[in-house]
């Protein structure tokens, strides 16, 4: 029976049906996969266990403060003592900061330190739950504004807003970097394995299709089924799919190349290869699935999200011929 199924999938006509099917799926999934970033929740609550004390504290804090508010603290210091000109400069900065994107509340008047050498300004910055990446440019403009003025008046900027900006700078473009780095490693391995300038494309394309379809499904679940997804789980997804998909493709293609020595018809060779390699591929995929199902008991939300997607890689790898 398995031989018949493998033969039906690799026939002269049915192979094109399989290809057209996946192209159609890719066409539908492509636009949805691109929206996955917009569906991510990168606020602190989405990363923490629901029963953690930190989560409970954040939930109680919502009654008094918007959880997306990133208060930015700016301290102006003059060792010889703050002058009237310094006060005027800080007040002018406060008015300018009030016009920045994300500053939806009035900026309070600055506080003077007891020793008279510093002024503290609190800027309420709110860029939404997924706006932390915008903080990079906004904080840079704040820093430039604060440091422009009289010589001898030093400005230091800190607080949650700066932490968000630093995180945004550190992880800026990480999805693209991670994707291209993963593809690069996979391509090098496949070139060394196959020693062919073309054959490596098949596993890579298969894994790329699997990744796109998985991202589309995750987006739909995040949008309509309440699935929590953040940048970490989305990034790990790329490595998982390309790693597993390439591994399964290597098994299938290696068996196919062996069968070509015994069968003149390449379709028959693929049918035999799929028949013989299929059990190993599905057993390996099953092991991965069972292993990752253990993450269902994980308390960290991003870990639990990962258990849903190894199947995508194994399914798509089967048509990498």
C-alpha atoms as a PDB file:
ATOM      1  CA  UNK A   1       0.000   0.000   0.000  1.00  0.00           C
ATOM      2  CA  UNK A   2       2.806   2.379   0.882  1.00  0.00           C
ATOM      3  CA  UNK A   3       4.444   1.584  -2.460  1.00  0.00           C
ATOM      4  CA  UNK A   4       1.215   2.438  -4.279  1.00  0.00           C
ATOM      5  CA  UNK A   5       0.875   5.760  -2.462  1.00  0.00           C
ATOM      6  CA  UNK A   6       4.497   6.633  -3.223  1.00  0.00           C
ATOM      7  CA  UNK A   7       3.988   5.689  -6.866  1.00  0.00           C
ATOM      8  CA  UNK A   8       0.864   7.818  -7.163  1.00  0.00           C
ATOM      9  CA  UNK A   9       2.670  10.863  -5.779  1.00  0.00           C
ATOM     10  CA  UNK A  10       5.646  10.512  -8.106  1.00  0.00           C
ATOM     11  CA  UNK A  11       3.938   9.646 -11.392  1.00  0.00           C
ATOM     12  CA  UNK A  12       4.542  11.608 -14.569  1.00  0.00           C
ATOM     13  CA  UNK A  13       1.245  13.464 -14.241  1.00  0.00           C
ATOM     14  CA  UNK A  14       0.649  13.501 -10.486  1.00  0.00           C
ATOM     15  CA  UNK A  15       4.029  15.056  -9.725  1.00  0.00           C
ATOM     16  CA  UNK A  16       2.865  18.200 -11.499  1.00  0.00           C
ATOM     17  CA  UNK A  17      -0.383  18.152  -9.546  1.00  0.00           C
ATOM     18  CA  UNK A  18       1.654  18.093  -6.335  1.00  0.00           C
ATOM     19  CA  UNK A  19       3.799  20.992  -7.538  1.00  0.00           C
ATOM     20  CA  UNK A  20       0.763  23.052  -8.613  1.00  0.00           C
ATOM     21  CA  UNK A  21      -0.922  22.333  -5.283  1.00  0.00           C
ATOM     22  CA  UNK A  22       2.011  23.676  -3.285  1.00  0.00           C
ATOM     23  CA  UNK A  23       2.357  26.695  -5.563  1.00  0.00           C
ATOM     24  CA  UNK A  24      -1.318  27.494  -4.954  1.00  0.00           C
ATOM     25  CA  UNK A  25      -0.846  27.065  -1.205  1.00  0.00           C
ATOM     26  CA  UNK A  26       2.215  29.306  -1.327  1.00  0.00           C
ATOM     27  CA  UNK A  27       0.307  31.982  -3.241  1.00  0.00           C
ATOM     28  CA  UNK A  28      -2.394  32.044  -0.573  1.00  0.00           C
ATOM     29  CA  UNK A  29       0.012  31.815   2.351  1.00  0.00           C
ATOM     30  CA  UNK A  30       2.516  34.422   1.185  1.00  0.00           C
ATOM     31  CA  UNK A  31       0.480  37.506   2.077  1.00  0.00           C
ATOM     32  CA  UNK A  32      -0.613  36.024   5.403  1.00  0.00           C
ATOM     33  CA  UNK A  33       2.931  35.073   6.403  1.00  0.00           C
ATOM     34  CA  UNK A  34       4.068  38.683   5.913  1.00  0.00           C
ATOM     35  CA  UNK A  35       1.536  39.819   8.521  1.00  0.00           C
ATOM     36  CA  UNK A  36       2.977  37.618  11.267  1.00  0.00           C
ATOM     37  CA  UNK A  37       5.144  40.440  12.600  1.00  0.00           C
ATOM     38  CA  UNK A  38       2.067  42.620  13.102  1.00  0.00           C
ATOM     39  CA  UNK A  39       0.379  39.840  15.105  1.00  0.00           C
ATOM     40  CA  UNK A  40       3.285  39.419  17.513  1.00  0.00           C
ATOM     41  CA  UNK A  41       2.932  40.440  21.157  1.00  0.00           C
ATOM     42  CA  UNK A  42       6.264  41.536  22.568  1.00  0.00           C
ATOM     43  CA  UNK A  43       5.074  43.128  25.807  1.00  0.00           C
ATOM     44  CA  UNK A  44       6.395  41.776  29.091  1.00  0.00           C
ATOM     45  CA  UNK A  45       3.179  39.931  30.006  1.00  0.00           C
ATOM     46  CA  UNK A  46       3.270  37.790  26.852  1.00  0.00           C
ATOM     47  CA  UNK A  47       6.754  36.520  27.729  1.00  0.00           C
ATOM     48  CA  UNK A  48       6.067  35.603  31.348  1.00  0.00           C
ATOM     49  CA  UNK A  49       4.146  32.698  32.923  1.00  0.00           C
ATOM     50  CA  UNK A  50       0.552  33.599  33.722  1.00  0.00           C
ATOM     51  CA  UNK A  51       0.950  32.802  37.428  1.00  0.00           C
ATOM     52  CA  UNK A  52       4.313  34.537  37.872  1.00  0.00           C
ATOM     53  CA  UNK A  53       4.521  37.283  40.491  1.00  0.00           C
ATOM     54  CA  UNK A  54       5.861  39.672  37.839  1.00  0.00           C
ATOM     55  CA  UNK A  55       2.793  39.016  35.667  1.00  0.00           C
ATOM     56  CA  UNK A  56       0.465  39.612  38.604  1.00  0.00           C
ATOM     57  CA  UNK A  57       2.265  42.858  39.393  1.00  0.00           C
ATOM     58  CA  UNK A  58       1.952  44.039  35.798  1.00  0.00           C
ATOM     59  CA  UNK A  59      -1.748  43.153  35.744  1.00  0.00           C
ATOM     60  CA  UNK A  60      -2.376  45.217  38.889  1.00  0.00           C
ATOM     61  CA  UNK A  61      -0.301  48.069  37.492  1.00  0.00           C
ATOM     62  CA  UNK A  62      -2.590  48.338  34.458  1.00  0.00           C
ATOM     63  CA  UNK A  63      -5.233  49.968  36.644  1.00  0.00           C
ATOM     64  CA  UNK A  64      -2.871  52.887  37.269  1.00  0.00           C
ATOM     65  CA  UNK A  65      -0.657  52.967  34.188  1.00  0.00           C
ATOM     66  CA  UNK A  66      -0.868  51.886  30.574  1.00  0.00           C
ATOM     67  CA  UNK A  67       1.379  48.786  30.241  1.00  0.00           C
ATOM     68  CA  UNK A  68       2.654  50.185  26.930  1.00  0.00           C
ATOM     69  CA  UNK A  69       3.883  53.405  28.514  1.00  0.00           C
ATOM     70  CA  UNK A  70       7.673  53.629  28.422  1.00  0.00           C
ATOM     71  CA  UNK A  71       8.612  56.467  30.734  1.00  0.00           C
ATOM     72  CA  UNK A  72      11.846  58.052  29.592  1.00  0.00           C
ATOM     73  CA  UNK A  73      13.983  59.789  32.218  1.00  0.00           C
ATOM     74  CA  UNK A  74      16.316  62.617  31.225  1.00  0.00           C
ATOM     75  CA  UNK A  75      18.725  64.060  33.786  1.00  0.00           C
ATOM     76  CA  UNK A  76      20.490  67.371  33.110  1.00  0.00           C
ATOM     77  CA  UNK A  77      23.559  68.028  35.252  1.00  0.00           C
ATOM     78  CA  UNK A  78      25.897  70.959  35.778  1.00  0.00           C
ATOM     79  CA  UNK A  79      28.617  70.444  38.367  1.00  0.00           C
ATOM     80  CA  UNK A  80      28.752  74.173  39.207  1.00  0.00           C
ATOM     81  CA  UNK A  81      24.988  74.283  39.796  1.00  0.00           C
ATOM     82  CA  UNK A  82      21.942  74.647  37.556  1.00  0.00           C
ATOM     83  CA  UNK A  83      21.478  78.159  36.174  1.00  0.00           C
ATOM     84  CA  UNK A  84      18.328  79.990  35.111  1.00  0.00           C
ATOM     85  CA  UNK A  85      19.401  79.483  31.505  1.00  0.00           C
ATOM     86  CA  UNK A  86      19.585  75.754  32.151  1.00  0.00           C
ATOM     87  CA  UNK A  87      16.050  75.752  33.543  1.00  0.00           C
ATOM     88  CA  UNK A  88      14.804  77.609  30.480  1.00  0.00           C
ATOM     89  CA  UNK A  89      16.601  75.154  28.191  1.00  0.00           C
ATOM     90  CA  UNK A  90      15.054  72.118  29.962  1.00  0.00           C
ATOM     91  CA  UNK A  91      11.578  73.676  29.852  1.00  0.00           C
ATOM     92  CA  UNK A  92      12.023  74.320  26.130  1.00  0.00           C
ATOM     93  CA  UNK A  93      13.106  70.696  25.663  1.00  0.00           C
ATOM     94  CA  UNK A  94       9.984  69.538  27.528  1.00  0.00           C
ATOM     95  CA  UNK A  95       7.769  71.482  25.120  1.00  0.00           C
ATOM     96  CA  UNK A  96       9.636  69.992  22.160  1.00  0.00           C
ATOM     97  CA  UNK A  97       9.389  66.456  23.547  1.00  0.00           C
ATOM     98  CA  UNK A  98       5.620  66.898  23.884  1.00  0.00           C
ATOM     99  CA  UNK A  99       5.441  67.034  20.068  1.00  0.00           C
ATOM    100  CA  UNK A 100       7.360  63.771  19.573  1.00  0.00           C
ATOM    101  CA  UNK A 101       5.581  60.706  18.240  1.00  0.00           C
ATOM    102  CA  UNK A 102       4.228  58.567  21.071  1.00  0.00           C
ATOM    103  CA  UNK A 103       4.174  61.357  23.673  1.00  0.00           C
ATOM    104  CA  UNK A 104       0.418  61.483  24.288  1.00  0.00           C
ATOM    105  CA  UNK A 105       0.493  63.074  27.761  1.00  0.00           C
ATOM    106  CA  UNK A 106       1.784  66.484  28.869  1.00  0.00           C
ATOM    107  CA  UNK A 107       5.422  66.405  29.935  1.00  0.00           C
ATOM    108  CA  UNK A 108       5.619  67.326  33.660  1.00  0.00           C
ATOM    109  CA  UNK A 109       7.791  70.199  34.821  1.00  0.00           C
ATOM    110  CA  UNK A 110      11.387  69.235  35.648  1.00  0.00           C
ATOM    111  CA  UNK A 111      12.449  68.333  39.204  1.00  0.00           C
ATOM    112  CA  UNK A 112      15.483  70.020  40.728  1.00  0.00           C
ATOM    113  CA  UNK A 113      17.870  67.956  42.868  1.00  0.00           C
ATOM    114  CA  UNK A 114      18.476  68.944  46.500  1.00  0.00           C
ATOM    115  CA  UNK A 115      22.051  69.976  45.787  1.00  0.00           C
ATOM    116  CA  UNK A 116      20.937  72.149  42.873  1.00  0.00           C
ATOM    117  CA  UNK A 117      23.259  70.450  40.403  1.00  0.00           C
ATOM    118  CA  UNK A 118      20.689  68.500  38.352  1.00  0.00           C
ATOM    119  CA  UNK A 119      17.233  68.628  36.788  1.00  0.00           C
ATOM    120  CA  UNK A 120      15.136  65.547  36.057  1.00  0.00           C
ATOM    121  CA  UNK A 121      12.584  65.386  33.258  1.00  0.00           C
ATOM    122  CA  UNK A 122      10.058  62.532  32.871  1.00  0.00           C
ATOM    123  CA  UNK A 123       8.745  61.978  29.327  1.00  0.00           C
ATOM    124  CA  UNK A 124       5.733  59.603  29.055  1.00  0.00           C
ATOM    125  CA  UNK A 125       6.331  57.668  25.832  1.00  0.00           C
ATOM    126  CA  UNK A 126       3.665  55.284  24.509  1.00  0.00           C
ATOM    127  CA  UNK A 127       4.244  53.548  21.168  1.00  0.00           C
ATOM    128  CA  UNK A 128       1.733  50.707  21.568  1.00  0.00           C
ATOM    129  CA  UNK A 129       2.314  47.022  22.258  1.00  0.00           C
ATOM    130  CA  UNK A 130       4.381  46.487  19.090  1.00  0.00           C
ATOM    131  CA  UNK A 131       5.958  49.906  18.775  1.00  0.00           C
ATOM    132  CA  UNK A 132       9.188  49.214  20.633  1.00  0.00           C
ATOM    133  CA  UNK A 133      11.095  49.184  17.339  1.00  0.00           C
ATOM    134  CA  UNK A 134      10.078  52.825  16.764  1.00  0.00           C
ATOM    135  CA  UNK A 135      11.757  53.771  20.025  1.00  0.00           C
ATOM    136  CA  UNK A 136      15.201  53.574  18.404  1.00  0.00           C
ATOM    137  CA  UNK A 137      14.764  56.716  16.295  1.00  0.00           C
ATOM    138  CA  UNK A 138      12.645  58.571  18.848  1.00  0.00           C
ATOM    139  CA  UNK A 139      15.143  58.091  21.680  1.00  0.00           C
ATOM    140  CA  UNK A 140      17.971  59.107  19.345  1.00  0.00           C
ATOM    141  CA  UNK A 141      16.134  62.374  18.592  1.00  0.00           C
ATOM    142  CA  UNK A 142      15.494  62.940  22.300  1.00  0.00           C
ATOM    143  CA  UNK A 143      19.165  62.397  23.082  1.00  0.00           C
ATOM    144  CA  UNK A 144      20.220  64.840  20.373  1.00  0.00           C
ATOM    145  CA  UNK A 145      17.747  67.474  21.574  1.00  0.00           C
ATOM    146  CA  UNK A 146      18.799  67.087  25.208  1.00  0.00           C
ATOM    147  CA  UNK A 147      22.503  67.397  24.383  1.00  0.00           C
ATOM    148  CA  UNK A 148      22.041  70.494  22.252  1.00  0.00           C
ATOM    149  CA  UNK A 149      22.495  73.682  24.257  1.00  0.00           C
ATOM    150  CA  UNK A 150      24.824  75.415  26.690  1.00  0.00           C
ATOM    151  CA  UNK A 151      28.276  73.945  27.214  1.00  0.00           C
ATOM    152  CA  UNK A 152      28.810  72.402  30.602  1.00  0.00           C
ATOM    153  CA  UNK A 153      25.245  71.132  30.890  1.00  0.00           C
ATOM    154  CA  UNK A 154      25.396  67.364  30.512  1.00  0.00           C
ATOM    155  CA  UNK A 155      22.299  65.313  29.651  1.00  0.00           C
ATOM    156  CA  UNK A 156      21.813  61.639  30.499  1.00  0.00           C
ATOM    157  CA  UNK A 157      18.838  59.608  29.292  1.00  0.00           C
ATOM    158  CA  UNK A 158      17.564  56.351  30.769  1.00  0.00           C
ATOM    159  CA  UNK A 159      14.394  54.507  31.761  1.00  0.00           C
ATOM    160  CA  UNK A 160      12.117  51.936  30.057  1.00  0.00           C
ATOM    161  CA  UNK A 161      12.046  53.985  26.851  1.00  0.00           C
ATOM    162  CA  UNK A 162      15.806  53.715  26.461  1.00  0.00           C
ATOM    163  CA  UNK A 163      15.705  50.003  27.315  1.00  0.00           C
ATOM    164  CA  UNK A 164      13.136  49.519  24.533  1.00  0.00           C
ATOM    165  CA  UNK A 165      15.335  51.474  22.134  1.00  0.00           C
ATOM    166  CA  UNK A 166      18.398  49.408  23.044  1.00  0.00           C
ATOM    167  CA  UNK A 167      16.415  46.187  22.527  1.00  0.00           C
ATOM    168  CA  UNK A 168      15.103  47.456  19.221  1.00  0.00           C
ATOM    169  CA  UNK A 169      18.624  48.318  18.085  1.00  0.00           C
ATOM    170  CA  UNK A 170      19.988  44.954  19.190  1.00  0.00           C
ATOM    171  CA  UNK A 171      17.242  42.964  17.467  1.00  0.00           C
ATOM    172  CA  UNK A 172      16.806  45.256  14.470  1.00  0.00           C
ATOM    173  CA  UNK A 173      16.487  43.135  11.351  1.00  0.00           C
ATOM    174  CA  UNK A 174      17.065  39.944  13.331  1.00  0.00           C
ATOM    175  CA  UNK A 175      14.382  38.073  11.364  1.00  0.00           C
ATOM    176  CA  UNK A 176      16.119  38.758   8.060  1.00  0.00           C
ATOM    177  CA  UNK A 177      19.580  38.192   9.523  1.00  0.00           C
ATOM    178  CA  UNK A 178      18.531  34.915  11.106  1.00  0.00           C
ATOM    179  CA  UNK A 179      16.821  33.752   7.922  1.00  0.00           C
ATOM    180  CA  UNK A 180      19.761  34.528   5.638  1.00  0.00           C
ATOM    181  CA  UNK A 181      22.285  33.128   8.110  1.00  0.00           C
ATOM    182  CA  UNK A 182      20.298  29.896   8.360  1.00  0.00           C
ATOM    183  CA  UNK A 183      19.928  29.629   4.589  1.00  0.00           C
ATOM    184  CA  UNK A 184      23.644  30.325   4.159  1.00  0.00           C
ATOM    185  CA  UNK A 185      24.654  27.530   6.529  1.00  0.00           C
ATOM    186  CA  UNK A 186      22.194  25.127   4.909  1.00  0.00           C
ATOM    187  CA  UNK A 187      23.399  25.982   1.384  1.00  0.00           C
ATOM    188  CA  UNK A 188      27.055  25.399   2.329  1.00  0.00           C
ATOM    189  CA  UNK A 189      26.214  22.027   3.883  1.00  0.00           C
ATOM    190  CA  UNK A 190      24.161  20.983   0.859  1.00  0.00           C
ATOM    191  CA  UNK A 191      26.860  22.059  -1.587  1.00  0.00           C
ATOM    192  CA  UNK A 192      29.435  19.991   0.292  1.00  0.00           C
ATOM    193  CA  UNK A 193      27.029  17.046   0.476  1.00  0.00           C
ATOM    194  CA  UNK A 194      25.638  17.018  -3.061  1.00  0.00           C
ATOM    195  CA  UNK A 195      28.571  18.648  -4.880  1.00  0.00           C
ATOM    196  CA  UNK A 196      26.021  20.000  -7.340  1.00  0.00           C
ATOM    197  CA  UNK A 197      25.388  23.676  -8.226  1.00  0.00           C
ATOM    198  CA  UNK A 198      21.630  23.044  -8.668  1.00  0.00           C
ATOM    199  CA  UNK A 199      20.472  20.170  -6.465  1.00  0.00           C
ATOM    200  CA  UNK A 200      20.778  22.180  -3.247  1.00  0.00           C
ATOM    201  CA  UNK A 201      17.941  24.438  -4.415  1.00  0.00           C
ATOM    202  CA  UNK A 202      15.308  21.718  -3.975  1.00  0.00           C
ATOM    203  CA  UNK A 203      15.630  21.265  -0.185  1.00  0.00           C
ATOM    204  CA  UNK A 204      15.991  25.006   0.341  1.00  0.00           C
ATOM    205  CA  UNK A 205      12.883  25.808  -1.718  1.00  0.00           C
ATOM    206  CA  UNK A 206      10.938  23.072   0.083  1.00  0.00           C
ATOM    207  CA  UNK A 207      11.929  24.428   3.488  1.00  0.00           C
ATOM    208  CA  UNK A 208      11.088  27.962   2.336  1.00  0.00           C
ATOM    209  CA  UNK A 209       7.592  26.883   1.330  1.00  0.00           C
ATOM    210  CA  UNK A 210       7.138  25.041   4.636  1.00  0.00           C
ATOM    211  CA  UNK A 211       8.247  28.141   6.556  1.00  0.00           C
ATOM    212  CA  UNK A 212       5.840  30.403   4.664  1.00  0.00           C
ATOM    213  CA  UNK A 213       2.908  28.046   5.192  1.00  0.00           C
ATOM    214  CA  UNK A 214       3.725  27.647   8.891  1.00  0.00           C
ATOM    215  CA  UNK A 215       3.955  31.425   9.350  1.00  0.00           C
ATOM    216  CA  UNK A 216       0.587  31.871   7.623  1.00  0.00           C
ATOM    217  CA  UNK A 217      -1.091  29.290   9.861  1.00  0.00           C
ATOM    218  CA  UNK A 218       0.460  30.845  12.968  1.00  0.00           C
ATOM    219  CA  UNK A 219      -0.761  34.276  11.892  1.00  0.00           C
ATOM    220  CA  UNK A 220      -4.335  33.002  11.495  1.00  0.00           C
ATOM    221  CA  UNK A 221      -4.211  31.344  14.914  1.00  0.00           C
ATOM    222  CA  UNK A 222      -2.747  34.471  16.509  1.00  0.00           C
ATOM    223  CA  UNK A 223      -5.350  36.679  14.845  1.00  0.00           C
ATOM    224  CA  UNK A 224      -8.456  34.572  15.347  1.00  0.00           C
ATOM    225  CA  UNK A 225      -7.712  31.913  17.988  1.00  0.00           C
ATOM    226  CA  UNK A 226      -5.881  33.871  20.672  1.00  0.00           C
ATOM    227  CA  UNK A 227      -2.446  32.259  20.099  1.00  0.00           C
ATOM    228  CA  UNK A 228       0.314  34.357  21.660  1.00  0.00           C
ATOM    229  CA  UNK A 229       3.338  34.792  19.389  1.00  0.00           C
ATOM    230  CA  UNK A 230       6.378  36.965  19.936  1.00  0.00           C
ATOM    231  CA  UNK A 231       9.601  37.700  18.106  1.00  0.00           C
ATOM    232  CA  UNK A 232      11.528  34.940  19.884  1.00  0.00           C
ATOM    233  CA  UNK A 233       9.209  32.086  18.891  1.00  0.00           C
ATOM    234  CA  UNK A 234       8.912  33.455  15.354  1.00  0.00           C
ATOM    235  CA  UNK A 235      12.705  33.546  15.036  1.00  0.00           C
ATOM    236  CA  UNK A 236      13.208  30.029  16.382  1.00  0.00           C
ATOM    237  CA  UNK A 237      10.574  28.804  13.920  1.00  0.00           C
ATOM    238  CA  UNK A 238      12.902  29.692  11.034  1.00  0.00           C
ATOM    239  CA  UNK A 239      15.744  27.583  12.405  1.00  0.00           C
ATOM    240  CA  UNK A 240      13.454  24.656  13.218  1.00  0.00           C
ATOM    241  CA  UNK A 241      11.821  24.460   9.807  1.00  0.00           C
ATOM    242  CA  UNK A 242      15.027  24.828   7.797  1.00  0.00           C
ATOM    243  CA  UNK A 243      16.891  22.414  10.044  1.00  0.00           C
ATOM    244  CA  UNK A 244      14.236  19.684  10.043  1.00  0.00           C
ATOM    245  CA  UNK A 245      13.225  20.193   6.398  1.00  0.00           C
ATOM    246  CA  UNK A 246      16.801  19.969   5.162  1.00  0.00           C
ATOM    247  CA  UNK A 247      17.456  16.899   7.267  1.00  0.00           C
ATOM    248  CA  UNK A 248      14.462  15.036   5.828  1.00  0.00           C
ATOM    249  CA  UNK A 249      15.264  16.161   2.305  1.00  0.00           C
ATOM    250  CA  UNK A 250      18.792  14.756   2.667  1.00  0.00           C
ATOM    251  CA  UNK A 251      17.337  11.355   3.545  1.00  0.00           C
ATOM    252  CA  UNK A 252      15.000  11.347   0.585  1.00  0.00           C
ATOM    253  CA  UNK A 253      17.423  12.704  -2.015  1.00  0.00           C
ATOM    254  CA  UNK A 254      20.219  10.374  -0.883  1.00  0.00           C
ATOM    255  CA  UNK A 255      17.914   7.380  -1.282  1.00  0.00           C
ATOM    256  CA  UNK A 256      16.720   8.706  -4.660  1.00  0.00           C
ATOM    257  CA  UNK A 257      20.273   8.988  -5.983  1.00  0.00           C
ATOM    258  CA  UNK A 258      20.927   5.409  -4.918  1.00  0.00           C
ATOM    259  CA  UNK A 259      17.803   4.153  -6.692  1.00  0.00           C
ATOM    260  CA  UNK A 260      18.803   5.917  -9.909  1.00  0.00           C
ATOM    261  CA  UNK A 261      21.590   3.341 -10.213  1.00  0.00           C
ATOM    262  CA  UNK A 262      19.007   0.541 -10.299  1.00  0.00           C
ATOM    263  CA  UNK A 263      16.139   2.119 -12.248  1.00  0.00           C
ATOM    264  CA  UNK A 264      16.273   3.780 -15.636  1.00  0.00           C
ATOM    265  CA  UNK A 265      12.957   5.565 -15.061  1.00  0.00           C
ATOM    266  CA  UNK A 266      13.493   8.460 -12.649  1.00  0.00           C
ATOM    267  CA  UNK A 267       9.828   8.362 -11.614  1.00  0.00           C
ATOM    268  CA  UNK A 268      10.127   4.736 -10.586  1.00  0.00           C
ATOM    269  CA  UNK A 269      13.363   5.544  -8.747  1.00  0.00           C
ATOM    270  CA  UNK A 270      11.630   8.309  -6.801  1.00  0.00           C
ATOM    271  CA  UNK A 271       8.684   6.041  -5.988  1.00  0.00           C
ATOM    272  CA  UNK A 272      11.013   3.419  -4.523  1.00  0.00           C
ATOM    273  CA  UNK A 273      13.049   6.091  -2.707  1.00  0.00           C
ATOM    274  CA  UNK A 274       9.941   7.636  -1.196  1.00  0.00           C
ATOM    275  CA  UNK A 275       8.627   4.215  -0.222  1.00  0.00           C
ATOM    276  CA  UNK A 276      11.868   3.275   1.553  1.00  0.00           C
ATOM    277  CA  UNK A 277      12.794   6.646   3.030  1.00  0.00           C
ATOM    278  CA  UNK A 278       9.243   7.576   4.024  1.00  0.00           C
ATOM    279  CA  UNK A 279       9.103   5.470   7.214  1.00  0.00           C
ATOM    280  CA  UNK A 280      12.425   6.880   8.425  1.00  0.00           C
ATOM    281  CA  UNK A 281      11.305  10.437   7.671  1.00  0.00           C
ATOM    282  CA  UNK A 282       7.979  10.088   9.454  1.00  0.00           C
ATOM    283  CA  UNK A 283       9.578   8.239  12.377  1.00  0.00           C
ATOM    284  CA  UNK A 284      12.133  11.033  12.732  1.00  0.00           C
ATOM    285  CA  UNK A 285       9.433  13.684  12.452  1.00  0.00           C
ATOM    286  CA  UNK A 286       7.338  11.801  14.999  1.00  0.00           C
ATOM    287  CA  UNK A 287      10.241  11.785  17.423  1.00  0.00           C
ATOM    288  CA  UNK A 288      10.645  15.528  17.004  1.00  0.00           C
ATOM    289  CA  UNK A 289       6.918  16.100  17.498  1.00  0.00           C
ATOM    290  CA  UNK A 290       6.786  13.960  20.641  1.00  0.00           C
ATOM    291  CA  UNK A 291       9.889  15.623  22.023  1.00  0.00           C
ATOM    292  CA  UNK A 292       8.507  19.094  21.434  1.00  0.00           C
ATOM    293  CA  UNK A 293       5.120  18.169  22.845  1.00  0.00           C
ATOM    294  CA  UNK A 294       6.943  18.020  26.164  1.00  0.00           C
ATOM    295  CA  UNK A 295       7.131  21.803  25.908  1.00  0.00           C
ATOM    296  CA  UNK A 296       3.377  21.949  26.477  1.00  0.00           C
ATOM    297  CA  UNK A 297       4.145  21.841  30.187  1.00  0.00           C
ATOM    298  CA  UNK A 298       6.561  24.766  29.861  1.00  0.00           C
ATOM    299  CA  UNK A 299       5.545  27.878  31.770  1.00  0.00           C
ATOM    300  CA  UNK A 300       7.100  30.308  29.315  1.00  0.00           C
ATOM    301  CA  UNK A 301       4.601  31.083  26.532  1.00  0.00           C
ATOM    302  CA  UNK A 302       7.110  31.245  23.613  1.00  0.00           C
ATOM    303  CA  UNK A 303       8.258  27.696  24.424  1.00  0.00           C
ATOM    304  CA  UNK A 304       4.716  26.306  24.209  1.00  0.00           C
ATOM    305  CA  UNK A 305       4.092  27.992  20.843  1.00  0.00           C
ATOM    306  CA  UNK A 306       6.946  26.054  19.228  1.00  0.00           C
ATOM    307  CA  UNK A 307       5.340  22.636  19.649  1.00  0.00           C
ATOM    308  CA  UNK A 308       2.870  23.137  16.837  1.00  0.00           C
ATOM    309  CA  UNK A 309       5.132  23.384  13.836  1.00  0.00           C
ATOM    310  CA  UNK A 310       7.625  20.536  13.228  1.00  0.00           C
ATOM    311  CA  UNK A 311       5.042  18.763  11.075  1.00  0.00           C
ATOM    312  CA  UNK A 312       5.189  21.531   8.490  1.00  0.00           C
ATOM    313  CA  UNK A 313       8.841  20.875   7.718  1.00  0.00           C
ATOM    314  CA  UNK A 314       8.443  17.119   7.384  1.00  0.00           C
ATOM    315  CA  UNK A 315       5.379  17.375   5.182  1.00  0.00           C
ATOM    316  CA  UNK A 316       6.904  19.823   2.758  1.00  0.00           C
ATOM    317  CA  UNK A 317      10.235  18.002   2.588  1.00  0.00           C
ATOM    318  CA  UNK A 318       8.538  14.992   1.007  1.00  0.00           C
ATOM    319  CA  UNK A 319       8.121  16.790  -2.303  1.00  0.00           C
ATOM    320  CA  UNK A 320      11.658  18.179  -2.469  1.00  0.00           C
ATOM    321  CA  UNK A 321      12.428  16.020  -5.471  1.00  0.00           C
END
